Amino acid sequence: RMGWYRQAPGKQRDLVATITSGGITNYADFVKGRFTISRDNAK
């Protein structure tokens, strides 16, 4: 699995999105419809 997290000043590190090696994605509610996670397994 690969993913993205973010941390704003004074706040905890939150999950943004993840993607498995097979391409299954998961998004935090606050980015759904706006962010897209993808991956290039060869790279």
Full PDB file with SEQRES, HELIX, SHEET, SSBOND, CRYST1, ORIGX, SCALE, CONECT and MASTER records, all heavy atoms in Angstrom:
SEQRES   1 A   43  ARG MET GLY TRP TYR ARG GLN ALA PRO GLY LYS GLN ARG          
SEQRES   2 A   43  ASP LEU VAL ALA THR ILE THR SER GLY GLY ILE THR ASN          
SEQRES   3 A   43  TYR ALA ASP PHE VAL LYS GLY ARG PHE THR ILE SER ARG          
SEQRES   4 A   43  ASP ASN ALA LYS                                              
HELIX    1 AA1 ASP A   29  VAL A   31  5                                   3    
SHEET    1 AA1 3 MET A   2  ARG A   6  0                                        
SHEET    2 AA1 3 ASP A  14  ILE A  19 -1                                        
SHEET    3 AA1 3 THR A  25  TYR A  27 -1                                        
CRYST1    1.000    1.000    1.000  90.00  90.00  90.00 P 1           1          
ORIGX1      1.000000  0.000000  0.000000        0.00000                         
ORIGX2      0.000000  1.000000  0.000000        0.00000                         
ORIGX3      0.000000  0.000000  1.000000        0.00000                         
SCALE1      1.000000  0.000000  0.000000        0.00000                         
SCALE2      0.000000  1.000000  0.000000        0.00000                         
SCALE3      0.000000  0.000000  1.000000        0.00000                         
ATOM      1  N   ARG A   1       0.820  -1.203   0.000  1.00  0.00           N  
ATOM      2  CA  ARG A   1       0.000   0.000   0.000  1.00  0.00           C  
ATOM      3  C   ARG A   1       0.855   1.254   0.000  1.00  0.00           C  
ATOM      4  O   ARG A   1       1.905   1.315   0.645  1.00  0.00           O  
ATOM      5  CB  ARG A   1      -0.925   0.012   1.215  1.00  0.00           C  
ATOM      6  CG  ARG A   1      -2.064   1.010   1.121  1.00  0.00           C  
ATOM      7  CD  ARG A   1      -2.798   1.153   2.438  1.00  0.00           C  
ATOM      8  NE  ARG A   1      -2.012   1.927   3.394  1.00  0.00           N  
ATOM      9  CZ  ARG A   1      -2.508   2.460   4.502  1.00  0.00           C  
ATOM     10  NH1 ARG A   1      -3.781   2.289   4.813  1.00  0.00           N  
ATOM     11  NH2 ARG A   1      -1.714   3.133   5.312  1.00  0.00           N  
ATOM     12  N   MET A   2       0.413   2.266  -0.717  1.00  0.00           N  
ATOM     13  CA  MET A   2       1.019   3.582  -0.694  1.00  0.00           C  
ATOM     14  C   MET A   2      -0.066   4.595  -0.378  1.00  0.00           C  
ATOM     15  O   MET A   2      -1.252   4.346  -0.607  1.00  0.00           O  
ATOM     16  CB  MET A   2       1.686   3.922  -2.029  1.00  0.00           C  
ATOM     17  CG  MET A   2       2.749   2.931  -2.466  1.00  0.00           C  
ATOM     18  SD  MET A   2       3.656   3.451  -3.951  1.00  0.00           S  
ATOM     19  CE  MET A   2       4.809   4.626  -3.221  1.00  0.00           C  
ATOM     20  N   GLY A   3       0.342   5.730   0.149  1.00  0.00           N  
ATOM     21  CA  GLY A   3      -0.667   6.699   0.509  1.00  0.00           C  
ATOM     22  C   GLY A   3      -0.111   8.084   0.758  1.00  0.00           C  
ATOM     23  O   GLY A   3       1.098   8.323   0.687  1.00  0.00           O  
ATOM     24  N   TRP A   4      -1.045   8.982   1.023  1.00  0.00           N  
ATOM     25  CA  TRP A   4      -0.725  10.364   1.347  1.00  0.00           C  
ATOM     26  C   TRP A   4      -1.397  10.749   2.653  1.00  0.00           C  
ATOM     27  O   TRP A   4      -2.566  10.414   2.885  1.00  0.00           O  
ATOM     28  CB  TRP A   4      -1.188  11.316   0.242  1.00  0.00           C  
ATOM     29  CG  TRP A   4      -0.423  11.178  -1.031  1.00  0.00           C  
ATOM     30  CD1 TRP A   4      -0.734  10.414  -2.109  1.00  0.00           C  
ATOM     31  CD2 TRP A   4       0.802  11.836  -1.355  1.00  0.00           C  
ATOM     32  NE1 TRP A   4       0.213  10.546  -3.089  1.00  0.00           N  
ATOM     33  CE2 TRP A   4       1.170  11.422  -2.654  1.00  0.00           C  
ATOM     34  CE3 TRP A   4       1.623  12.745  -0.675  1.00  0.00           C  
ATOM     35  CZ2 TRP A   4       2.327  11.879  -3.289  1.00  0.00           C  
ATOM     36  CZ3 TRP A   4       2.776  13.190  -1.311  1.00  0.00           C  
ATOM     37  CH2 TRP A   4       3.111  12.762  -2.592  1.00  0.00           C  
ATOM     38  N   TYR A   5      -0.655  11.444   3.489  1.00  0.00           N  
ATOM     39  CA  TYR A   5      -1.163  12.010   4.724  1.00  0.00           C  
ATOM     40  C   TYR A   5      -0.842  13.497   4.720  1.00  0.00           C  
ATOM     41  O   TYR A   5       0.010  13.954   3.955  1.00  0.00           O  
ATOM     42  CB  TYR A   5      -0.521  11.343   5.938  1.00  0.00           C  
ATOM     43  CG  TYR A   5      -0.921   9.894   6.138  1.00  0.00           C  
ATOM     44  CD1 TYR A   5      -0.493   8.898   5.268  1.00  0.00           C  
ATOM     45  CD2 TYR A   5      -1.727   9.524   7.215  1.00  0.00           C  
ATOM     46  CE1 TYR A   5      -0.857   7.582   5.454  1.00  0.00           C  
ATOM     47  CE2 TYR A   5      -2.089   8.204   7.412  1.00  0.00           C  
ATOM     48  CZ  TYR A   5      -1.653   7.232   6.528  1.00  0.00           C  
ATOM     49  OH  TYR A   5      -2.009   5.923   6.722  1.00  0.00           O  
ATOM     50  N   ARG A   6      -1.517  14.234   5.574  1.00  0.00           N  
ATOM     51  CA  ARG A   6      -1.200  15.649   5.684  1.00  0.00           C  
ATOM     52  C   ARG A   6      -1.287  16.102   7.125  1.00  0.00           C  
ATOM     53  O   ARG A   6      -2.019  15.541   7.937  1.00  0.00           O  
ATOM     54  CB  ARG A   6      -2.128  16.490   4.800  1.00  0.00           C  
ATOM     55  CG  ARG A   6      -3.566  16.623   5.294  1.00  0.00           C  
ATOM     56  CD  ARG A   6      -4.403  17.361   4.268  1.00  0.00           C  
ATOM     57  NE  ARG A   6      -5.717  17.720   4.770  1.00  0.00           N  
ATOM     58  CZ  ARG A   6      -6.673  18.267   4.019  1.00  0.00           C  
ATOM     59  NH1 ARG A   6      -6.456  18.508   2.732  1.00  0.00           N  
ATOM     60  NH2 ARG A   6      -7.847  18.564   4.567  1.00  0.00           N  
ATOM     61  N   GLN A   7      -0.532  17.147   7.421  1.00  0.00           N  
ATOM     62  CA  GLN A   7      -0.502  17.689   8.765  1.00  0.00           C  
ATOM     63  C   GLN A   7      -0.431  19.212   8.698  1.00  0.00           C  
ATOM     64  O   GLN A   7       0.516  19.773   8.153  1.00  0.00           O  
ATOM     65  CB  GLN A   7       0.689  17.144   9.557  1.00  0.00           C  
ATOM     66  CG  GLN A   7       0.694  17.542  11.013  1.00  0.00           C  
ATOM     67  CD  GLN A   7       1.709  16.751  11.820  1.00  0.00           C  
ATOM     68  OE1 GLN A   7       2.671  16.222  11.273  1.00  0.00           O  
ATOM     69  NE2 GLN A   7       1.488  16.663  13.113  1.00  0.00           N  
ATOM     70  N   ALA A   8      -1.452  19.852   9.247  1.00  0.00           N  
ATOM     71  CA  ALA A   8      -1.492  21.299   9.337  1.00  0.00           C  
ATOM     72  C   ALA A   8      -0.931  21.723  10.689  1.00  0.00           C  
ATOM     73  O   ALA A   8      -0.909  20.932  11.639  1.00  0.00           O  
ATOM     74  CB  ALA A   8      -2.923  21.802   9.165  1.00  0.00           C  
ATOM     75  N   PRO A   9      -0.487  22.970  10.809  1.00  0.00           N  
ATOM     76  CA  PRO A   9       0.059  23.436  12.083  1.00  0.00           C  
ATOM     77  C   PRO A   9      -0.927  23.242  13.228  1.00  0.00           C  
ATOM     78  O   PRO A   9      -2.097  23.609  13.127  1.00  0.00           O  
ATOM     79  CB  PRO A   9       0.330  24.919  11.834  1.00  0.00           C  
ATOM     80  CG  PRO A   9       0.559  25.006  10.362  1.00  0.00           C  
ATOM     81  CD  PRO A   9      -0.386  24.004   9.765  1.00  0.00           C  
ATOM     82  N   GLY A  10      -0.454  22.657  14.314  1.00  0.00           N  
ATOM     83  CA  GLY A  10      -1.283  22.456  15.480  1.00  0.00           C  
ATOM     84  C   GLY A  10      -2.248  21.303  15.396  1.00  0.00           C  
ATOM     85  O   GLY A  10      -3.057  21.116  16.312  1.00  0.00           O  
ATOM     86  N   LYS A  11      -2.198  20.523  14.320  1.00  0.00           N  
ATOM     87  CA  LYS A  11      -3.110  19.410  14.155  1.00  0.00           C  
ATOM     88  C   LYS A  11      -2.349  18.113  13.947  1.00  0.00           C  
ATOM     89  O   LYS A  11      -1.160  18.105  13.646  1.00  0.00           O  
ATOM     90  CB  LYS A  11      -4.055  19.658  12.978  1.00  0.00           C  
ATOM     91  CG  LYS A  11      -4.981  20.857  13.173  1.00  0.00           C  
ATOM     92  CD  LYS A  11      -6.005  20.958  12.061  1.00  0.00           C  
ATOM     93  CE  LYS A  11      -6.970  22.098  12.305  1.00  0.00           C  
ATOM     94  NZ  LYS A  11      -8.000  22.182  11.224  1.00  0.00           N  
ATOM     95  N   GLN A  12      -3.061  17.013  14.104  1.00  0.00           N  
ATOM     96  CA  GLN A  12      -2.453  15.706  13.921  1.00  0.00           C  
ATOM     97  C   GLN A  12      -2.296  15.390  12.441  1.00  0.00           C  
ATOM     98  O   GLN A  12      -2.893  16.037  11.578  1.00  0.00           O  
ATOM     99  CB  GLN A  12      -3.296  14.624  14.594  1.00  0.00           C  
ATOM    100  CG  GLN A  12      -4.645  14.392  13.954  1.00  0.00           C  
ATOM    101  CD  GLN A  12      -5.434  13.276  14.617  1.00  0.00           C  
ATOM    102  OE1 GLN A  12      -5.212  12.949  15.780  1.00  0.00           O  
ATOM    103  NE2 GLN A  12      -6.356  12.686  13.877  1.00  0.00           N  
ATOM    104  N   ARG A  13      -1.499  14.375  12.178  1.00  0.00           N  
ATOM    105  CA  ARG A  13      -1.324  13.921  10.811  1.00  0.00           C  
ATOM    106  C   ARG A  13      -2.509  13.040  10.417  1.00  0.00           C  
ATOM    107  O   ARG A  13      -2.778  12.030  11.060  1.00  0.00           O  
ATOM    108  CB  ARG A  13      -0.007  13.151  10.674  1.00  0.00           C  
ATOM    109  CG  ARG A  13       0.330  12.750   9.252  1.00  0.00           C  
ATOM    110  CD  ARG A  13       1.712  12.101   9.162  1.00  0.00           C  
ATOM    111  NE  ARG A  13       2.768  13.027   9.552  1.00  0.00           N  
ATOM    112  CZ  ARG A  13       4.063  12.755   9.446  1.00  0.00           C  
ATOM    113  NH1 ARG A  13       4.463  11.586   8.949  1.00  0.00           N  
ATOM    114  NH2 ARG A  13       4.958  13.643   9.840  1.00  0.00           N  
ATOM    115  N   ASP A  14      -3.215  13.436   9.375  1.00  0.00           N  
ATOM    116  CA  ASP A  14      -4.423  12.746   8.947  1.00  0.00           C  
ATOM    117  C   ASP A  14      -4.217  12.043   7.617  1.00  0.00           C  
ATOM    118  O   ASP A  14      -3.507  12.525   6.732  1.00  0.00           O  
ATOM    119  CB  ASP A  14      -5.592  13.721   8.808  1.00  0.00           C  
ATOM    120  CG  ASP A  14      -6.036  14.313  10.124  1.00  0.00           C  
ATOM    121  OD1 ASP A  14      -5.975  13.600  11.151  1.00  0.00           O  
ATOM    122  OD2 ASP A  14      -6.450  15.486  10.145  1.00  0.00           O  
ATOM    123  N   LEU A  15      -4.886  10.932   7.471  1.00  0.00           N  
ATOM    124  CA  LEU A  15      -4.879  10.211   6.203  1.00  0.00           C  
ATOM    125  C   LEU A  15      -5.644  10.997   5.150  1.00  0.00           C  
ATOM    126  O   LEU A  15      -6.729  11.514   5.421  1.00  0.00           O  
ATOM    127  CB  LEU A  15      -5.497   8.824   6.378  1.00  0.00           C  
ATOM    128  CG  LEU A  15      -5.508   7.904   5.157  1.00  0.00           C  
ATOM    129  CD1 LEU A  15      -5.370   6.451   5.599  1.00  0.00           C  
ATOM    130  CD2 LEU A  15      -6.800   8.065   4.362  1.00  0.00           C  
ATOM    131  N   VAL A  16      -5.083  11.084   3.959  1.00  0.00           N  
ATOM    132  CA  VAL A  16      -5.732  11.737   2.835  1.00  0.00           C  
ATOM    133  C   VAL A  16      -6.272  10.702   1.861  1.00  0.00           C  
ATOM    134  O   VAL A  16      -7.453  10.711   1.512  1.00  0.00           O  
ATOM    135  CB  VAL A  16      -4.773  12.693   2.109  1.00  0.00           C  
ATOM    136  CG1 VAL A  16      -5.441  13.289   0.868  1.00  0.00           C  
ATOM    137  CG2 VAL A  16      -4.314  13.801   3.047  1.00  0.00           C  
ATOM    138  N   ALA A  17      -5.419   9.806   1.412  1.00  0.00           N  
ATOM    139  CA  ALA A  17      -5.817   8.783   0.460  1.00  0.00           C  
ATOM    140  C   ALA A  17      -4.796   7.661   0.456  1.00  0.00           C  
ATOM    141  O   ALA A  17      -3.617   7.884   0.733  1.00  0.00           O  
ATOM    142  CB  ALA A  17      -5.953   9.362  -0.950  1.00  0.00           C  
ATOM    143  N   THR A  18      -5.255   6.469   0.146  1.00  0.00           N  
ATOM    144  CA  THR A  18      -4.369   5.316   0.017  1.00  0.00           C  
ATOM    145  C   THR A  18      -4.721   4.552  -1.247  1.00  0.00           C  
ATOM    146  O   THR A  18      -5.827   4.657  -1.775  1.00  0.00           O  
ATOM    147  CB  THR A  18      -4.466   4.363   1.219  1.00  0.00           C  
ATOM    148  OG1 THR A  18      -5.796   3.850   1.321  1.00  0.00           O  
ATOM    149  CG2 THR A  18      -4.097   5.074   2.515  1.00  0.00           C  
ATOM    150  N   ILE A  19      -3.761   3.768  -1.702  1.00  0.00           N  
ATOM    151  CA  ILE A  19      -3.980   2.932  -2.872  1.00  0.00           C  
ATOM    152  C   ILE A  19      -3.164   1.662  -2.712  1.00  0.00           C  
ATOM    153  O   ILE A  19      -1.989   1.694  -2.354  1.00  0.00           O  
ATOM    154  CB  ILE A  19      -3.627   3.681  -4.175  1.00  0.00           C  
ATOM    155  CG1 ILE A  19      -3.950   2.823  -5.405  1.00  0.00           C  
ATOM    156  CG2 ILE A  19      -2.169   4.129  -4.170  1.00  0.00           C  
ATOM    157  CD1 ILE A  19      -3.903   3.605  -6.708  1.00  0.00           C  
ATOM    158  N   THR A  20      -3.791   0.524  -2.960  1.00  0.00           N  
ATOM    159  CA  THR A  20      -3.098  -0.750  -2.869  1.00  0.00           C  
ATOM    160  C   THR A  20      -2.336  -1.021  -4.154  1.00  0.00           C  
ATOM    161  O   THR A  20      -2.480  -0.326  -5.152  1.00  0.00           O  
ATOM    162  CB  THR A  20      -4.081  -1.894  -2.610  1.00  0.00           C  
ATOM    163  OG1 THR A  20      -4.882  -2.111  -3.781  1.00  0.00           O  
ATOM    164  CG2 THR A  20      -4.987  -1.587  -1.422  1.00  0.00           C  
ATOM    165  N   SER A  21      -1.524  -2.065  -4.115  1.00  0.00           N  
ATOM    166  CA  SER A  21      -0.775  -2.439  -5.308  1.00  0.00           C  
ATOM    167  C   SER A  21      -1.697  -2.844  -6.448  1.00  0.00           C  
ATOM    168  O   SER A  21      -1.308  -2.760  -7.614  1.00  0.00           O  
ATOM    169  CB  SER A  21       0.197  -3.579  -4.989  1.00  0.00           C  
ATOM    170  OG  SER A  21      -0.490  -4.730  -4.530  1.00  0.00           O  
ATOM    171  N   GLY A  22      -2.903  -3.280  -6.111  1.00  0.00           N  
ATOM    172  CA  GLY A  22      -3.885  -3.649  -7.118  1.00  0.00           C  
ATOM    173  C   GLY A  22      -4.764  -2.509  -7.583  1.00  0.00           C  
ATOM    174  O   GLY A  22      -5.645  -2.710  -8.427  1.00  0.00           O  
ATOM    175  N   GLY A  23      -4.552  -1.313  -7.036  1.00  0.00           N  
ATOM    176  CA  GLY A  23      -5.289  -0.150  -7.494  1.00  0.00           C  
ATOM    177  C   GLY A  23      -6.546   0.179  -6.706  1.00  0.00           C  
ATOM    178  O   GLY A  23      -7.318   1.052  -7.124  1.00  0.00           O  
ATOM    179  N   ILE A  24      -6.771  -0.478  -5.576  1.00  0.00           N  
ATOM    180  CA  ILE A  24      -7.924  -0.170  -4.748  1.00  0.00           C  
ATOM    181  C   ILE A  24      -7.637   1.093  -3.948  1.00  0.00           C  
ATOM    182  O   ILE A  24      -6.617   1.180  -3.264  1.00  0.00           O  
ATOM    183  CB  ILE A  24      -8.270  -1.326  -3.802  1.00  0.00           C  
ATOM    184  CG1 ILE A  24      -8.473  -2.617  -4.599  1.00  0.00           C  
ATOM    185  CG2 ILE A  24      -9.505  -0.998  -2.978  1.00  0.00           C  
ATOM    186  CD1 ILE A  24      -9.574  -2.539  -5.621  1.00  0.00           C  
ATOM    187  N   THR A  25      -8.540   2.060  -4.022  1.00  0.00           N  
ATOM    188  CA  THR A  25      -8.317   3.360  -3.399  1.00  0.00           C  
ATOM    189  C   THR A  25      -9.232   3.587  -2.212  1.00  0.00           C  
ATOM    190  O   THR A  25     -10.317   3.001  -2.106  1.00  0.00           O  
ATOM    191  CB  THR A  25      -8.519   4.494  -4.405  1.00  0.00           C  
ATOM    192  OG1 THR A  25      -9.853   4.437  -4.924  1.00  0.00           O  
ATOM    193  CG2 THR A  25      -7.532   4.373  -5.557  1.00  0.00           C  
ATOM    194  N   ASN A  26      -8.784   4.465  -1.333  1.00  0.00           N  
ATOM    195  CA  ASN A  26      -9.563   4.894  -0.190  1.00  0.00           C  
ATOM    196  C   ASN A  26      -9.266   6.367   0.048  1.00  0.00           C  
ATOM    197  O   ASN A  26      -8.107   6.778   0.001  1.00  0.00           O  
ATOM    198  CB  ASN A  26      -9.215   4.075   1.051  1.00  0.00           C  
ATOM    199  CG  ASN A  26     -10.027   4.475   2.260  1.00  0.00           C  
ATOM    200  OD1 ASN A  26     -11.253   4.528   2.200  1.00  0.00           O  
ATOM    201  ND2 ASN A  26      -9.362   4.750   3.377  1.00  0.00           N  
ATOM    202  N   TYR A  27     -10.318   7.157   0.308  1.00  0.00           N  
ATOM    203  CA  TYR A  27     -10.168   8.589   0.484  1.00  0.00           C  
ATOM    204  C   TYR A  27     -10.795   9.062   1.778  1.00  0.00           C  
ATOM    205  O   TYR A  27     -11.827   8.549   2.211  1.00  0.00           O  
ATOM    206  CB  TYR A  27     -10.838   9.353  -0.663  1.00  0.00           C  
ATOM    207  CG  TYR A  27     -10.228   9.127  -2.021  1.00  0.00           C  
ATOM    208  CD1 TYR A  27     -10.724   8.149  -2.865  1.00  0.00           C  
ATOM    209  CD2 TYR A  27      -9.167   9.914  -2.464  1.00  0.00           C  
ATOM    210  CE1 TYR A  27     -10.174   7.946  -4.118  1.00  0.00           C  
ATOM    211  CE2 TYR A  27      -8.614   9.715  -3.713  1.00  0.00           C  
ATOM    212  CZ  TYR A  27      -9.119   8.733  -4.542  1.00  0.00           C  
ATOM    213  OH  TYR A  27      -8.572   8.533  -5.786  1.00  0.00           O  
ATOM    214  N   ALA A  28     -10.176  10.063   2.365  1.00  0.00           N  
ATOM    215  CA  ALA A  28     -10.810  10.761   3.464  1.00  0.00           C  
ATOM    216  C   ALA A  28     -12.006  11.542   2.937  1.00  0.00           C  
ATOM    217  O   ALA A  28     -12.016  11.995   1.782  1.00  0.00           O  
ATOM    218  CB  ALA A  28      -9.822  11.712   4.135  1.00  0.00           C  
ATOM    219  N   ASP A  29     -13.018  11.703   3.772  1.00  0.00           N  
ATOM    220  CA  ASP A  29     -14.234  12.382   3.336  1.00  0.00           C  
ATOM    221  C   ASP A  29     -13.968  13.809   2.857  1.00  0.00           C  
ATOM    222  O   ASP A  29     -14.635  14.293   1.935  1.00  0.00           O  
ATOM    223  CB  ASP A  29     -15.264  12.395   4.463  1.00  0.00           C  
ATOM    224  CG  ASP A  29     -15.885  11.032   4.706  1.00  0.00           C  
ATOM    225  OD1 ASP A  29     -15.822  10.174   3.810  1.00  0.00           O  
ATOM    226  OD2 ASP A  29     -16.448  10.835   5.802  1.00  0.00           O  
ATOM    227  N   PHE A  30     -13.011  14.474   3.467  1.00  0.00           N  
ATOM    228  CA  PHE A  30     -12.800  15.876   3.144  1.00  0.00           C  
ATOM    229  C   PHE A  30     -12.123  16.105   1.799  1.00  0.00           C  
ATOM    230  O   PHE A  30     -11.978  17.261   1.380  1.00  0.00           O  
ATOM    231  CB  PHE A  30     -12.011  16.579   4.268  1.00  0.00           C  
ATOM    232  CG  PHE A  30     -10.728  15.912   4.660  1.00  0.00           C  
ATOM    233  CD1 PHE A  30      -9.567  16.092   3.924  1.00  0.00           C  
ATOM    234  CD2 PHE A  30     -10.669  15.116   5.794  1.00  0.00           C  
ATOM    235  CE1 PHE A  30      -8.384  15.492   4.292  1.00  0.00           C  
ATOM    236  CE2 PHE A  30      -9.480  14.506   6.183  1.00  0.00           C  
ATOM    237  CZ  PHE A  30      -8.336  14.694   5.423  1.00  0.00           C  
ATOM    238  N   VAL A  31     -11.713  15.039   1.107  1.00  0.00           N  
ATOM    239  CA  VAL A  31     -11.111  15.208  -0.216  1.00  0.00           C  
ATOM    240  C   VAL A  31     -11.860  14.456  -1.310  1.00  0.00           C  
ATOM    241  O   VAL A  31     -11.503  14.586  -2.491  1.00  0.00           O  
ATOM    242  CB  VAL A  31      -9.632  14.781  -0.236  1.00  0.00           C  
ATOM    243  CG1 VAL A  31      -8.833  15.582   0.785  1.00  0.00           C  
ATOM    244  CG2 VAL A  31      -9.491  13.283   0.014  1.00  0.00           C  
ATOM    245  N   LYS A  32     -12.880  13.714  -0.953  1.00  0.00           N  
ATOM    246  CA  LYS A  32     -13.623  12.952  -1.949  1.00  0.00           C  
ATOM    247  C   LYS A  32     -14.221  13.874  -3.007  1.00  0.00           C  
ATOM    248  O   LYS A  32     -14.811  14.895  -2.701  1.00  0.00           O  
ATOM    249  CB  LYS A  32     -14.733  12.137  -1.285  1.00  0.00           C  
ATOM    250  CG  LYS A  32     -14.240  10.915  -0.545  1.00  0.00           C  
ATOM    251  CD  LYS A  32     -15.394  10.112   0.034  1.00  0.00           C  
ATOM    252  CE  LYS A  32     -14.897   8.854   0.720  1.00  0.00           C  
ATOM    253  NZ  LYS A  32     -16.008   8.082   1.333  1.00  0.00           N  
ATOM    254  N   GLY A  33     -14.045  13.485  -4.255  1.00  0.00           N  
ATOM    255  CA  GLY A  33     -14.543  14.280  -5.360  1.00  0.00           C  
ATOM    256  C   GLY A  33     -13.591  15.359  -5.822  1.00  0.00           C  
ATOM    257  O   GLY A  33     -13.826  15.971  -6.872  1.00  0.00           O  
ATOM    258  N   ARG A  34     -12.530  15.603  -5.068  1.00  0.00           N  
ATOM    259  CA  ARG A  34     -11.565  16.643  -5.423  1.00  0.00           C  
ATOM    260  C   ARG A  34     -10.169  16.089  -5.699  1.00  0.00           C  
ATOM    261  O   ARG A  34      -9.473  16.587  -6.577  1.00  0.00           O  
ATOM    262  CB  ARG A  34     -11.470  17.692  -4.314  1.00  0.00           C  
ATOM    263  CG  ARG A  34     -12.785  18.409  -4.021  1.00  0.00           C  
ATOM    264  CD  ARG A  34     -12.571  19.587  -3.080  1.00  0.00           C  
ATOM    265  NE  ARG A  34     -12.072  19.154  -1.766  1.00  0.00           N  
ATOM    266  CZ  ARG A  34     -10.951  19.608  -1.213  1.00  0.00           C  
ATOM    267  NH1 ARG A  34     -10.209  20.509  -1.850  1.00  0.00           N  
ATOM    268  NH2 ARG A  34     -10.578  19.175  -0.015  1.00  0.00           N  
ATOM    269  N   PHE A  35      -9.763  15.085  -4.931  1.00  0.00           N  
ATOM    270  CA  PHE A  35      -8.429  14.511  -5.067  1.00  0.00           C  
ATOM    271  C   PHE A  35      -8.510  13.129  -5.695  1.00  0.00           C  
ATOM    272  O   PHE A  35      -9.482  12.390  -5.488  1.00  0.00           O  
ATOM    273  CB  PHE A  35      -7.743  14.371  -3.703  1.00  0.00           C  
ATOM    274  CG  PHE A  35      -7.408  15.662  -3.012  1.00  0.00           C  
ATOM    275  CD1 PHE A  35      -7.819  16.892  -3.512  1.00  0.00           C  
ATOM    276  CD2 PHE A  35      -6.667  15.641  -1.840  1.00  0.00           C  
ATOM    277  CE1 PHE A  35      -7.512  18.078  -2.870  1.00  0.00           C  
ATOM    278  CE2 PHE A  35      -6.351  16.822  -1.186  1.00  0.00           C  
ATOM    279  CZ  PHE A  35      -6.768  18.036  -1.694  1.00  0.00           C  
ATOM    280  N   THR A  36      -7.472  12.766  -6.421  1.00  0.00           N  
ATOM    281  CA  THR A  36      -7.375  11.447  -7.017  1.00  0.00           C  
ATOM    282  C   THR A  36      -5.984  10.880  -6.776  1.00  0.00           C  
ATOM    283  O   THR A  36      -4.992  11.520  -7.106  1.00  0.00           O  
ATOM    284  CB  THR A  36      -7.652  11.479  -8.526  1.00  0.00           C  
ATOM    285  OG1 THR A  36      -8.952  12.019  -8.770  1.00  0.00           O  
ATOM    286  CG2 THR A  36      -7.586  10.068  -9.109  1.00  0.00           C  
ATOM    287  N   ILE A  37      -5.933   9.701  -6.195  1.00  0.00           N  
ATOM    288  CA  ILE A  37      -4.659   9.033  -5.976  1.00  0.00           C  
ATOM    289  C   ILE A  37      -4.457   7.983  -7.064  1.00  0.00           C  
ATOM    290  O   ILE A  37      -5.399   7.317  -7.491  1.00  0.00           O  
ATOM    291  CB  ILE A  37      -4.584   8.401  -4.570  1.00  0.00           C  
ATOM    292  CG1 ILE A  37      -3.173   7.896  -4.278  1.00  0.00           C  
ATOM    293  CG2 ILE A  37      -5.608   7.288  -4.403  1.00  0.00           C  
ATOM    294  CD1 ILE A  37      -2.968   7.466  -2.826  1.00  0.00           C  
ATOM    295  N   SER A  38      -3.231   7.847  -7.518  1.00  0.00           N  
ATOM    296  CA  SER A  38      -2.891   6.856  -8.525  1.00  0.00           C  
ATOM    297  C   SER A  38      -1.452   6.416  -8.301  1.00  0.00           C  
ATOM    298  O   SER A  38      -0.726   7.015  -7.509  1.00  0.00           O  
ATOM    299  CB  SER A  38      -3.078   7.410  -9.943  1.00  0.00           C  
ATOM    300  OG  SER A  38      -2.237   8.531 -10.164  1.00  0.00           O  
ATOM    301  N   ARG A  39      -1.042   5.377  -9.012  1.00  0.00           N  
ATOM    302  CA  ARG A  39       0.328   4.901  -8.848  1.00  0.00           C  
ATOM    303  C   ARG A  39       0.823   4.247 -10.120  1.00  0.00           C  
ATOM    304  O   ARG A  39       0.046   3.780 -10.951  1.00  0.00           O  
ATOM    305  CB  ARG A  39       0.441   3.919  -7.675  1.00  0.00           C  
ATOM    306  CG  ARG A  39      -0.327   2.620  -7.854  1.00  0.00           C  
ATOM    307  CD  ARG A  39      -0.341   1.809  -6.555  1.00  0.00           C  
ATOM    308  NE  ARG A  39       0.935   1.163  -6.287  1.00  0.00           N  
ATOM    309  CZ  ARG A  39       1.247   0.559  -5.133  1.00  0.00           C  
ATOM    310  NH1 ARG A  39       0.376   0.559  -4.129  1.00  0.00           N  
ATOM    311  NH2 ARG A  39       2.434  -0.022  -4.980  1.00  0.00           N  
ATOM    312  N   ASP A  40       2.129   4.227 -10.245  1.00  0.00           N  
ATOM    313  CA  ASP A  40       2.811   3.554 -11.332  1.00  0.00           C  
ATOM    314  C   ASP A  40       3.689   2.499 -10.675  1.00  0.00           C  
ATOM    315  O   ASP A  40       4.747   2.815 -10.130  1.00  0.00           O  
ATOM    316  CB  ASP A  40       3.644   4.538 -12.146  1.00  0.00           C  
ATOM    317  CG  ASP A  40       4.288   3.907 -13.364  1.00  0.00           C  
ATOM    318  OD1 ASP A  40       4.506   2.677 -13.376  1.00  0.00           O  
ATOM    319  OD2 ASP A  40       4.584   4.642 -14.328  1.00  0.00           O  
ATOM    320  N   ASN A  41       3.238   1.269 -10.701  1.00  0.00           N  
ATOM    321  CA  ASN A  41       3.958   0.204 -10.009  1.00  0.00           C  
ATOM    322  C   ASN A  41       5.353  -0.030 -10.578  1.00  0.00           C  
ATOM    323  O   ASN A  41       6.274  -0.386  -9.844  1.00  0.00           O  
ATOM    324  CB  ASN A  41       3.150  -1.091 -10.055  1.00  0.00           C  
ATOM    325  CG  ASN A  41       1.901  -1.036  -9.205  1.00  0.00           C  
ATOM    326  OD1 ASN A  41       1.828  -0.268  -8.241  1.00  0.00           O  
ATOM    327  ND2 ASN A  41       0.916  -1.852  -9.537  1.00  0.00           N  
ATOM    328  N   ALA A  42       5.508   0.148 -11.879  1.00  0.00           N  
ATOM    329  CA  ALA A  42       6.809  -0.054 -12.498  1.00  0.00           C  
ATOM    330  C   ALA A  42       7.836   0.953 -12.004  1.00  0.00           C  
ATOM    331  O   ALA A  42       9.036   0.671 -11.993  1.00  0.00           O  
ATOM    332  CB  ALA A  42       6.696   0.015 -14.015  1.00  0.00           C  
ATOM    333  N   LYS A  43       7.364   2.129 -11.600  1.00  0.00           N  
ATOM    334  CA  LYS A  43       8.255   3.184 -11.127  1.00  0.00           C  
ATOM    335  C   LYS A  43       8.232   3.344  -9.612  1.00  0.00           C  
ATOM    336  O   LYS A  43       8.920   4.217  -9.081  1.00  0.00           O  
ATOM    337  CB  LYS A  43       7.883   4.517 -11.775  1.00  0.00           C  
ATOM    338  CG  LYS A  43       8.026   4.538 -13.290  1.00  0.00           C  
ATOM    339  CD  LYS A  43       7.631   5.887 -13.853  1.00  0.00           C  
ATOM    340  CE  LYS A  43       7.793   5.923 -15.357  1.00  0.00           C  
ATOM    341  NZ  LYS A  43       7.396   7.234 -15.929  1.00  0.00           N  
TER     342      LYS A  43                                                      
MASTER        0    0    0    1    3    0    0    6  341    1    0    4          
END                                                                             
